[in-house]
N, C-alpha and C. Protein backbone atom coordinates (compact mmCIF):
# COMPACT_ATOMS: atom_id res chain seq x y z
N MET A 1 -67.10 -3.48 -10.32
CA MET A 1 -66.12 -4.33 -9.69
C MET A 1 -66.58 -4.59 -8.25
N ASN A 2 -66.63 -5.84 -7.90
CA ASN A 2 -67.05 -6.17 -6.54
C ASN A 2 -65.83 -6.34 -5.62
N ARG A 3 -66.09 -6.63 -4.39
CA ARG A 3 -65.02 -6.72 -3.39
C ARG A 3 -64.03 -7.84 -3.72
N ARG A 4 -64.50 -8.97 -4.19
CA ARG A 4 -63.63 -10.11 -4.50
C ARG A 4 -62.67 -9.76 -5.64
N GLU A 5 -63.15 -9.16 -6.69
CA GLU A 5 -62.28 -8.77 -7.80
C GLU A 5 -61.27 -7.71 -7.37
N PHE A 6 -61.70 -6.78 -6.54
CA PHE A 6 -60.81 -5.74 -6.05
C PHE A 6 -59.68 -6.35 -5.21
N THR A 7 -60.04 -7.26 -4.31
CA THR A 7 -59.03 -7.91 -3.46
C THR A 7 -58.06 -8.73 -4.31
N THR A 8 -58.57 -9.41 -5.33
CA THR A 8 -57.71 -10.21 -6.21
C THR A 8 -56.75 -9.32 -6.98
N SER A 9 -57.22 -8.17 -7.46
CA SER A 9 -56.35 -7.28 -8.22
C SER A 9 -55.29 -6.65 -7.32
N ILE A 10 -55.63 -6.33 -6.08
CA ILE A 10 -54.64 -5.78 -5.15
C ILE A 10 -53.58 -6.83 -4.83
N ALA A 11 -53.99 -8.08 -4.61
CA ALA A 11 -53.03 -9.15 -4.33
C ALA A 11 -52.14 -9.39 -5.53
N ALA A 12 -52.69 -9.33 -6.73
CA ALA A 12 -51.89 -9.51 -7.93
C ALA A 12 -50.89 -8.37 -8.09
N LEU A 13 -51.29 -7.16 -7.76
CA LEU A 13 -50.39 -6.02 -7.85
C LEU A 13 -49.25 -6.14 -6.85
N ALA A 14 -49.53 -6.66 -5.66
CA ALA A 14 -48.48 -6.83 -4.64
C ALA A 14 -47.52 -7.94 -5.01
N ALA A 15 -47.99 -8.95 -5.74
CA ALA A 15 -47.14 -10.09 -6.10
C ALA A 15 -46.37 -9.85 -7.39
N THR A 16 -46.63 -8.75 -8.09
CA THR A 16 -45.98 -8.49 -9.38
C THR A 16 -44.46 -8.42 -9.28
N PRO A 17 -43.84 -7.76 -8.28
CA PRO A 17 -42.37 -7.72 -8.24
C PRO A 17 -41.73 -9.10 -8.08
N ALA A 18 -42.43 -10.07 -7.58
CA ALA A 18 -41.85 -11.40 -7.38
C ALA A 18 -41.85 -12.23 -8.66
N LEU A 19 -42.63 -11.83 -9.66
CA LEU A 19 -42.72 -12.58 -10.90
C LEU A 19 -41.51 -12.28 -11.79
N PRO A 20 -41.05 -13.24 -12.58
CA PRO A 20 -39.96 -12.97 -13.51
C PRO A 20 -40.40 -11.98 -14.58
N PHE A 21 -39.50 -11.12 -14.96
CA PHE A 21 -39.81 -10.08 -15.94
C PHE A 21 -40.04 -10.68 -17.32
N GLY A 22 -39.39 -11.78 -17.63
CA GLY A 22 -39.52 -12.41 -18.94
C GLY A 22 -40.92 -12.91 -19.22
N ALA A 23 -41.76 -13.07 -18.20
CA ALA A 23 -43.12 -13.54 -18.40
C ALA A 23 -43.99 -12.47 -19.03
N PHE A 24 -43.61 -11.20 -18.92
CA PHE A 24 -44.44 -10.12 -19.44
C PHE A 24 -43.99 -9.62 -20.80
N THR A 25 -42.77 -9.88 -21.20
CA THR A 25 -42.27 -9.36 -22.47
C THR A 25 -42.17 -10.48 -23.49
N PRO A 26 -42.56 -10.22 -24.72
CA PRO A 26 -42.40 -11.23 -25.76
C PRO A 26 -40.94 -11.35 -26.16
N ALA A 27 -40.54 -12.55 -26.53
CA ALA A 27 -39.16 -12.77 -26.93
C ALA A 27 -38.98 -12.30 -28.37
N THR A 28 -38.15 -11.27 -28.55
CA THR A 28 -37.85 -10.77 -29.89
C THR A 28 -36.37 -10.89 -30.11
N ALA A 29 -36.01 -11.14 -31.33
CA ALA A 29 -34.60 -11.29 -31.66
C ALA A 29 -33.99 -9.92 -31.87
N ALA A 30 -32.99 -9.60 -31.08
CA ALA A 30 -32.30 -8.33 -31.21
C ALA A 30 -31.14 -8.50 -32.18
N PRO A 31 -30.82 -7.46 -32.92
CA PRO A 31 -29.68 -7.59 -33.83
C PRO A 31 -28.40 -7.78 -33.03
N ALA A 32 -27.55 -8.64 -33.52
CA ALA A 32 -26.32 -8.97 -32.80
C ALA A 32 -25.36 -7.80 -32.85
N ALA A 33 -25.00 -7.30 -31.69
CA ALA A 33 -24.04 -6.20 -31.60
C ALA A 33 -22.70 -6.79 -31.20
N ALA A 34 -21.64 -6.16 -31.63
CA ALA A 34 -20.30 -6.64 -31.32
C ALA A 34 -19.96 -6.29 -29.87
N LEU A 35 -19.65 -7.31 -29.10
CA LEU A 35 -19.27 -7.10 -27.70
C LEU A 35 -17.78 -6.79 -27.62
N PRO A 36 -17.41 -5.84 -26.80
CA PRO A 36 -15.98 -5.60 -26.60
C PRO A 36 -15.32 -6.81 -25.96
N PRO A 37 -14.04 -7.05 -26.23
CA PRO A 37 -13.37 -8.20 -25.63
C PRO A 37 -13.35 -8.09 -24.11
N GLY A 38 -13.68 -9.17 -23.44
CA GLY A 38 -13.68 -9.21 -22.00
C GLY A 38 -14.92 -8.61 -21.35
N ALA A 39 -15.88 -8.17 -22.15
CA ALA A 39 -17.07 -7.53 -21.59
C ALA A 39 -17.90 -8.54 -20.79
N TYR A 40 -17.97 -9.77 -21.26
CA TYR A 40 -18.76 -10.78 -20.56
C TYR A 40 -18.15 -11.08 -19.19
N ALA A 41 -16.82 -11.19 -19.13
CA ALA A 41 -16.15 -11.47 -17.85
C ALA A 41 -16.35 -10.30 -16.88
N TRP A 42 -16.25 -9.06 -17.37
CA TRP A 42 -16.46 -7.90 -16.51
C TRP A 42 -17.92 -7.83 -16.06
N ALA A 43 -18.82 -8.17 -16.95
CA ALA A 43 -20.25 -8.15 -16.58
C ALA A 43 -20.54 -9.18 -15.49
N GLN A 44 -19.93 -10.36 -15.61
CA GLN A 44 -20.10 -11.37 -14.56
C GLN A 44 -19.57 -10.85 -13.22
N LEU A 45 -18.40 -10.24 -13.25
CA LEU A 45 -17.80 -9.73 -12.02
C LEU A 45 -18.66 -8.63 -11.39
N ILE A 46 -19.18 -7.74 -12.21
CA ILE A 46 -20.03 -6.66 -11.70
C ILE A 46 -21.29 -7.24 -11.08
N ALA A 47 -21.92 -8.19 -11.78
CA ALA A 47 -23.16 -8.77 -11.28
C ALA A 47 -22.94 -9.53 -9.98
N ARG A 48 -21.84 -10.28 -9.89
CA ARG A 48 -21.58 -11.07 -8.68
C ARG A 48 -21.14 -10.18 -7.53
N ALA A 49 -20.40 -9.11 -7.81
CA ALA A 49 -19.93 -8.23 -6.74
C ALA A 49 -21.07 -7.41 -6.14
N GLN A 50 -22.02 -6.99 -6.99
CA GLN A 50 -23.13 -6.17 -6.49
C GLN A 50 -24.35 -7.00 -6.11
N ASN A 51 -24.36 -8.27 -6.46
CA ASN A 51 -25.45 -9.20 -6.18
C ASN A 51 -26.75 -8.79 -6.86
N LYS A 52 -26.69 -7.87 -7.79
CA LYS A 52 -27.85 -7.50 -8.59
C LYS A 52 -27.34 -6.86 -9.86
N CYS A 53 -28.17 -6.93 -10.88
CA CYS A 53 -27.71 -6.42 -12.17
C CYS A 53 -28.92 -6.07 -13.03
N SER A 54 -28.75 -5.08 -13.87
CA SER A 54 -29.75 -4.70 -14.85
C SER A 54 -29.01 -4.26 -16.11
N PRO A 55 -29.68 -4.20 -17.25
CA PRO A 55 -29.00 -3.72 -18.46
C PRO A 55 -28.48 -2.29 -18.31
N ALA A 56 -29.20 -1.46 -17.58
CA ALA A 56 -28.74 -0.08 -17.37
C ALA A 56 -27.45 -0.06 -16.55
N THR A 57 -27.34 -0.94 -15.56
CA THR A 57 -26.12 -1.03 -14.75
C THR A 57 -24.95 -1.45 -15.61
N LEU A 58 -25.16 -2.45 -16.46
CA LEU A 58 -24.09 -2.91 -17.34
C LEU A 58 -23.69 -1.83 -18.33
N ALA A 59 -24.66 -1.11 -18.88
CA ALA A 59 -24.35 -0.05 -19.84
C ALA A 59 -23.54 1.06 -19.17
N ARG A 60 -23.88 1.38 -17.93
CA ARG A 60 -23.17 2.43 -17.21
C ARG A 60 -21.75 2.03 -16.85
N HIS A 61 -21.56 0.80 -16.35
CA HIS A 61 -20.24 0.38 -15.89
C HIS A 61 -19.31 -0.04 -17.03
N LEU A 62 -19.86 -0.61 -18.08
CA LEU A 62 -19.02 -1.11 -19.17
C LEU A 62 -18.88 -0.11 -20.31
N HIS A 63 -19.56 1.02 -20.23
CA HIS A 63 -19.53 2.06 -21.27
C HIS A 63 -19.93 1.51 -22.64
N VAL A 64 -21.04 0.79 -22.67
CA VAL A 64 -21.59 0.27 -23.92
C VAL A 64 -23.01 0.81 -24.07
N ASP A 65 -23.57 0.69 -25.28
CA ASP A 65 -24.94 1.17 -25.48
C ASP A 65 -25.92 0.19 -24.85
N ILE A 66 -27.16 0.62 -24.72
CA ILE A 66 -28.16 -0.16 -23.99
C ILE A 66 -28.50 -1.45 -24.72
N ASN A 67 -28.43 -1.47 -26.06
CA ASN A 67 -28.73 -2.70 -26.81
C ASN A 67 -27.67 -3.78 -26.54
N THR A 68 -26.41 -3.36 -26.52
CA THR A 68 -25.33 -4.30 -26.21
C THR A 68 -25.45 -4.79 -24.78
N ALA A 69 -25.77 -3.88 -23.87
CA ALA A 69 -25.92 -4.26 -22.46
C ALA A 69 -27.10 -5.23 -22.29
N THR A 70 -28.18 -5.01 -23.02
CA THR A 70 -29.32 -5.92 -22.94
C THR A 70 -28.97 -7.30 -23.47
N GLN A 71 -28.22 -7.33 -24.56
CA GLN A 71 -27.77 -8.61 -25.11
C GLN A 71 -26.87 -9.34 -24.11
N LEU A 72 -25.98 -8.62 -23.50
CA LEU A 72 -25.08 -9.19 -22.49
C LEU A 72 -25.88 -9.69 -21.28
N PHE A 73 -26.86 -8.91 -20.86
CA PHE A 73 -27.72 -9.28 -19.74
C PHE A 73 -28.48 -10.57 -20.04
N ASP A 74 -29.07 -10.66 -21.23
CA ASP A 74 -29.81 -11.86 -21.63
C ASP A 74 -28.91 -13.08 -21.69
N THR A 75 -27.69 -12.89 -22.16
CA THR A 75 -26.72 -14.00 -22.21
C THR A 75 -26.38 -14.49 -20.81
N MET A 76 -26.23 -13.56 -19.88
CA MET A 76 -25.91 -13.95 -18.51
C MET A 76 -27.08 -14.66 -17.85
N VAL A 77 -28.31 -14.26 -18.15
CA VAL A 77 -29.48 -14.96 -17.62
C VAL A 77 -29.56 -16.36 -18.21
N ARG A 78 -29.31 -16.47 -19.51
CA ARG A 78 -29.36 -17.76 -20.18
C ARG A 78 -28.26 -18.70 -19.68
N ASP A 79 -27.08 -18.17 -19.37
CA ASP A 79 -25.96 -19.00 -18.89
C ASP A 79 -26.06 -19.33 -17.41
N GLY A 80 -27.00 -18.72 -16.69
CA GLY A 80 -27.18 -19.05 -15.29
C GLY A 80 -26.37 -18.19 -14.34
N VAL A 81 -25.75 -17.13 -14.83
CA VAL A 81 -25.01 -16.23 -13.95
C VAL A 81 -26.00 -15.40 -13.13
N LEU A 82 -27.12 -15.04 -13.76
CA LEU A 82 -28.17 -14.25 -13.10
C LEU A 82 -29.46 -15.05 -13.06
N ARG A 83 -30.28 -14.77 -12.05
CA ARG A 83 -31.62 -15.34 -12.00
C ARG A 83 -32.52 -14.54 -12.94
N ALA A 84 -33.71 -15.02 -13.17
CA ALA A 84 -34.64 -14.29 -14.03
C ALA A 84 -34.96 -12.94 -13.39
N PRO A 85 -34.96 -11.88 -14.17
CA PRO A 85 -35.21 -10.55 -13.59
C PRO A 85 -36.65 -10.40 -13.14
N GLY A 86 -36.84 -9.55 -12.14
CA GLY A 86 -38.18 -9.27 -11.63
C GLY A 86 -38.89 -8.25 -12.51
N ALA A 87 -39.99 -7.73 -12.03
CA ALA A 87 -40.80 -6.79 -12.81
C ALA A 87 -40.07 -5.47 -13.04
N VAL A 88 -39.17 -5.11 -12.16
CA VAL A 88 -38.41 -3.87 -12.30
C VAL A 88 -37.28 -4.04 -13.31
N GLY A 89 -36.89 -5.27 -13.61
CA GLY A 89 -35.82 -5.54 -14.56
C GLY A 89 -34.49 -5.81 -13.91
N ILE A 90 -34.46 -5.93 -12.60
CA ILE A 90 -33.21 -6.19 -11.88
C ILE A 90 -33.16 -7.68 -11.54
N ALA A 91 -32.03 -8.29 -11.84
CA ALA A 91 -31.84 -9.72 -11.56
C ALA A 91 -30.78 -9.88 -10.49
N GLN A 92 -30.91 -10.93 -9.69
CA GLN A 92 -29.92 -11.23 -8.66
C GLN A 92 -28.92 -12.25 -9.19
N ALA A 93 -27.71 -12.19 -8.69
CA ALA A 93 -26.68 -13.13 -9.09
C ALA A 93 -26.94 -14.48 -8.43
N THR A 94 -26.64 -15.57 -9.15
CA THR A 94 -26.85 -16.89 -8.58
C THR A 94 -25.74 -17.27 -7.61
N ASN A 95 -24.53 -16.77 -7.84
CA ASN A 95 -23.40 -17.09 -6.97
C ASN A 95 -22.68 -15.79 -6.63
N PRO A 96 -23.24 -14.96 -5.72
CA PRO A 96 -22.63 -13.66 -5.44
C PRO A 96 -21.32 -13.80 -4.68
N ILE A 97 -20.50 -12.77 -4.81
CA ILE A 97 -19.26 -12.70 -4.05
C ILE A 97 -19.58 -12.09 -2.71
N ASP A 98 -19.12 -12.73 -1.63
CA ASP A 98 -19.37 -12.24 -0.28
C ASP A 98 -18.58 -10.95 -0.07
N ALA A 99 -19.01 -10.13 0.85
CA ALA A 99 -18.35 -8.85 1.12
C ALA A 99 -16.91 -9.05 1.58
N SER A 100 -16.62 -10.18 2.19
CA SER A 100 -15.26 -10.45 2.63
C SER A 100 -14.38 -10.92 1.49
N GLY A 101 -14.97 -11.22 0.35
CA GLY A 101 -14.19 -11.70 -0.79
C GLY A 101 -14.09 -13.20 -0.85
N ILE A 102 -14.65 -13.89 0.12
CA ILE A 102 -14.60 -15.35 0.17
C ILE A 102 -15.94 -15.88 -0.29
N ARG A 103 -15.92 -16.79 -1.25
CA ARG A 103 -17.18 -17.35 -1.70
C ARG A 103 -17.77 -18.24 -0.62
N ALA A 104 -19.07 -18.30 -0.58
CA ALA A 104 -19.78 -18.98 0.50
C ALA A 104 -19.42 -20.46 0.66
N PRO A 105 -19.32 -21.28 -0.40
CA PRO A 105 -18.99 -22.69 -0.18
C PRO A 105 -17.62 -22.88 0.48
N ARG A 106 -16.65 -22.08 0.09
CA ARG A 106 -15.32 -22.22 0.70
C ARG A 106 -15.34 -21.80 2.16
N LEU A 107 -16.12 -20.79 2.46
CA LEU A 107 -16.21 -20.33 3.84
C LEU A 107 -16.82 -21.41 4.72
N THR A 108 -17.88 -22.05 4.24
CA THR A 108 -18.49 -23.10 5.06
C THR A 108 -17.56 -24.29 5.21
N ALA A 109 -16.77 -24.58 4.19
CA ALA A 109 -15.81 -25.68 4.31
C ALA A 109 -14.74 -25.34 5.35
N ARG A 110 -14.29 -24.09 5.37
CA ARG A 110 -13.29 -23.69 6.36
C ARG A 110 -13.86 -23.72 7.77
N VAL A 111 -15.11 -23.30 7.92
CA VAL A 111 -15.74 -23.32 9.23
C VAL A 111 -15.90 -24.75 9.71
N ARG A 112 -16.31 -25.64 8.81
CA ARG A 112 -16.43 -27.05 9.17
C ARG A 112 -15.09 -27.63 9.61
N ALA A 113 -14.02 -27.29 8.89
CA ALA A 113 -12.70 -27.80 9.24
C ALA A 113 -12.26 -27.30 10.61
N HIS A 114 -12.52 -26.02 10.89
CA HIS A 114 -12.15 -25.48 12.20
C HIS A 114 -12.99 -26.11 13.31
N LEU A 115 -14.26 -26.33 13.06
CA LEU A 115 -15.10 -26.97 14.07
C LEU A 115 -14.66 -28.41 14.31
N LYS A 116 -14.27 -29.10 13.25
CA LYS A 116 -13.81 -30.47 13.39
C LYS A 116 -12.53 -30.51 14.23
N ASP A 117 -11.62 -29.56 13.98
CA ASP A 117 -10.39 -29.50 14.76
C ASP A 117 -10.68 -29.13 16.21
N ALA A 118 -11.64 -28.25 16.44
CA ALA A 118 -11.94 -27.83 17.80
C ALA A 118 -12.64 -28.94 18.60
N LEU A 119 -13.49 -29.70 17.93
CA LEU A 119 -14.22 -30.75 18.63
C LEU A 119 -13.38 -32.02 18.81
N ASN A 120 -12.41 -32.24 17.96
CA ASN A 120 -11.54 -33.42 18.04
C ASN A 120 -10.09 -32.96 18.15
N PRO A 121 -9.65 -32.50 19.32
CA PRO A 121 -8.26 -32.04 19.44
C PRO A 121 -7.30 -33.22 19.33
N PRO A 122 -6.10 -32.98 18.79
CA PRO A 122 -5.12 -34.07 18.70
C PRO A 122 -4.62 -34.45 20.09
N PRO A 123 -4.23 -35.70 20.29
CA PRO A 123 -3.72 -36.10 21.62
C PRO A 123 -2.38 -35.43 21.89
N GLU A 124 -2.17 -35.08 23.16
CA GLU A 124 -0.92 -34.43 23.53
C GLU A 124 0.20 -35.45 23.56
N THR A 125 1.36 -35.09 23.05
CA THR A 125 2.48 -36.02 23.00
C THR A 125 3.28 -36.00 24.29
N ALA A 126 3.54 -34.82 24.82
CA ALA A 126 4.33 -34.73 26.06
C ALA A 126 3.66 -33.71 26.98
N PRO A 127 3.67 -33.97 28.29
CA PRO A 127 3.07 -32.99 29.19
C PRO A 127 3.95 -31.74 29.28
N LEU A 128 3.35 -30.64 29.59
CA LEU A 128 4.08 -29.39 29.69
C LEU A 128 4.83 -29.26 31.01
N VAL A 129 4.43 -29.97 32.06
CA VAL A 129 5.06 -29.91 33.37
C VAL A 129 5.59 -31.29 33.71
N LYS A 130 6.80 -31.32 34.25
CA LYS A 130 7.37 -32.60 34.66
C LYS A 130 6.59 -33.11 35.87
N ALA A 131 6.19 -34.35 35.84
CA ALA A 131 5.39 -34.92 36.92
C ALA A 131 6.24 -35.22 38.15
N ASP A 132 7.55 -35.54 38.00
CA ASP A 132 8.37 -35.93 39.13
C ASP A 132 8.99 -34.75 39.86
N ASP A 133 9.02 -33.56 39.31
CA ASP A 133 9.63 -32.40 39.95
C ASP A 133 8.58 -31.31 40.12
N PRO A 134 7.86 -31.30 41.26
CA PRO A 134 6.80 -30.31 41.43
C PRO A 134 7.34 -28.89 41.61
N ALA A 135 8.61 -28.71 42.01
CA ALA A 135 9.16 -27.38 42.22
C ALA A 135 9.63 -26.76 40.92
N LEU A 136 9.64 -27.52 39.85
CA LEU A 136 10.07 -27.05 38.53
C LEU A 136 11.51 -26.55 38.53
N GLY A 137 12.34 -27.09 39.38
CA GLY A 137 13.75 -26.73 39.38
C GLY A 137 14.05 -25.42 40.07
N CYS A 138 13.15 -24.91 40.87
CA CYS A 138 13.38 -23.63 41.52
C CYS A 138 14.11 -23.79 42.85
N GLY A 139 14.21 -24.98 43.39
CA GLY A 139 14.82 -25.18 44.69
C GLY A 139 16.32 -25.02 44.69
N ASP A 140 17.01 -25.32 43.63
CA ASP A 140 18.47 -25.24 43.60
C ASP A 140 18.94 -24.08 42.74
N SER A 141 18.32 -22.93 42.88
CA SER A 141 18.67 -21.78 42.05
C SER A 141 20.02 -21.18 42.44
N ILE A 142 20.47 -21.35 43.68
CA ILE A 142 21.74 -20.80 44.13
C ILE A 142 22.89 -21.52 43.44
N ALA A 143 22.76 -22.81 43.26
CA ALA A 143 23.83 -23.57 42.63
C ALA A 143 23.95 -23.25 41.15
N GLU A 144 22.90 -22.78 40.57
CA GLU A 144 22.94 -22.50 39.14
C GLU A 144 23.36 -21.08 38.84
N ASP A 145 23.55 -20.23 39.84
CA ASP A 145 23.98 -18.86 39.58
C ASP A 145 25.34 -18.87 38.92
N ASP A 146 25.53 -17.92 38.06
CA ASP A 146 26.78 -17.80 37.33
C ASP A 146 27.77 -17.02 38.20
N PRO A 147 28.93 -17.58 38.47
CA PRO A 147 29.89 -16.86 39.31
C PRO A 147 30.45 -15.64 38.60
N ASP A 148 30.38 -15.58 37.28
CA ASP A 148 30.93 -14.44 36.55
C ASP A 148 29.87 -13.38 36.29
N ALA A 149 28.80 -13.43 37.00
CA ALA A 149 27.72 -12.49 36.73
C ALA A 149 28.05 -11.08 37.19
N ARG A 150 28.94 -10.95 38.21
CA ARG A 150 29.29 -9.60 38.62
C ARG A 150 30.79 -9.40 38.45
N THR A 151 31.14 -8.18 38.33
CA THR A 151 32.55 -7.86 38.11
C THR A 151 33.19 -7.47 39.44
N ASP A 152 34.49 -7.60 39.51
CA ASP A 152 35.23 -7.23 40.71
C ASP A 152 35.76 -5.81 40.63
N LYS A 153 35.36 -5.06 39.65
CA LYS A 153 35.83 -3.69 39.50
C LYS A 153 35.22 -2.83 40.60
N PRO A 154 35.97 -1.88 41.11
CA PRO A 154 35.41 -1.01 42.15
C PRO A 154 34.36 -0.07 41.55
N VAL A 155 33.48 0.33 42.43
CA VAL A 155 32.44 1.25 42.02
C VAL A 155 33.07 2.62 41.86
N GLN A 156 32.72 3.31 40.79
CA GLN A 156 33.27 4.63 40.56
C GLN A 156 32.71 5.60 41.57
N GLU A 157 33.63 6.28 42.23
CA GLU A 157 33.19 7.21 43.25
C GLU A 157 32.98 8.59 42.64
N SER A 158 32.10 9.32 43.23
CA SER A 158 31.84 10.67 42.72
C SER A 158 32.92 11.62 43.22
N PRO A 159 33.19 12.67 42.47
CA PRO A 159 34.26 13.61 42.90
C PRO A 159 33.84 14.35 44.19
N GLN A 160 34.86 14.72 44.90
CA GLN A 160 34.65 15.42 46.17
C GLN A 160 34.01 16.79 45.91
N ALA A 161 33.04 17.09 46.69
CA ALA A 161 32.43 18.42 46.57
C ALA A 161 33.25 19.42 47.36
N GLY A 162 33.56 20.53 46.80
CA GLY A 162 34.35 21.32 47.62
C GLY A 162 34.54 22.70 47.45
């Protein structure tokens, strides 16, 4: 083996995790196993929440055997829920759930709406300060005092010390 072949094999080894796993395995028909009701929906939720999925993960979380989990995994790849798995067998979700629970397209739409509102504020209908009265009505505060604000009752005196 010369230097060129060695360098090519090292580069191929480094690029192996980026290749889809389906390119290395022949397509064989697995016997159809009965899926529990709702298993596909739960598998989608698990894959989207963790942003990665493998048949072993599905078997562990859904309490099914590995053949059923593999069938479910292949169905999700075929339906577009997951991308093609890498060399390790782990696939990423195509539309993962964000950690905040908000899906990315809705979040960007909300950010755009807030930016639009911030950049184009609505016109003010009425000013907050009267333009003709700069004192804001503070000059005639004596006339506005309530005459009944204090009582005419005498102050209670303390008992004589003695």
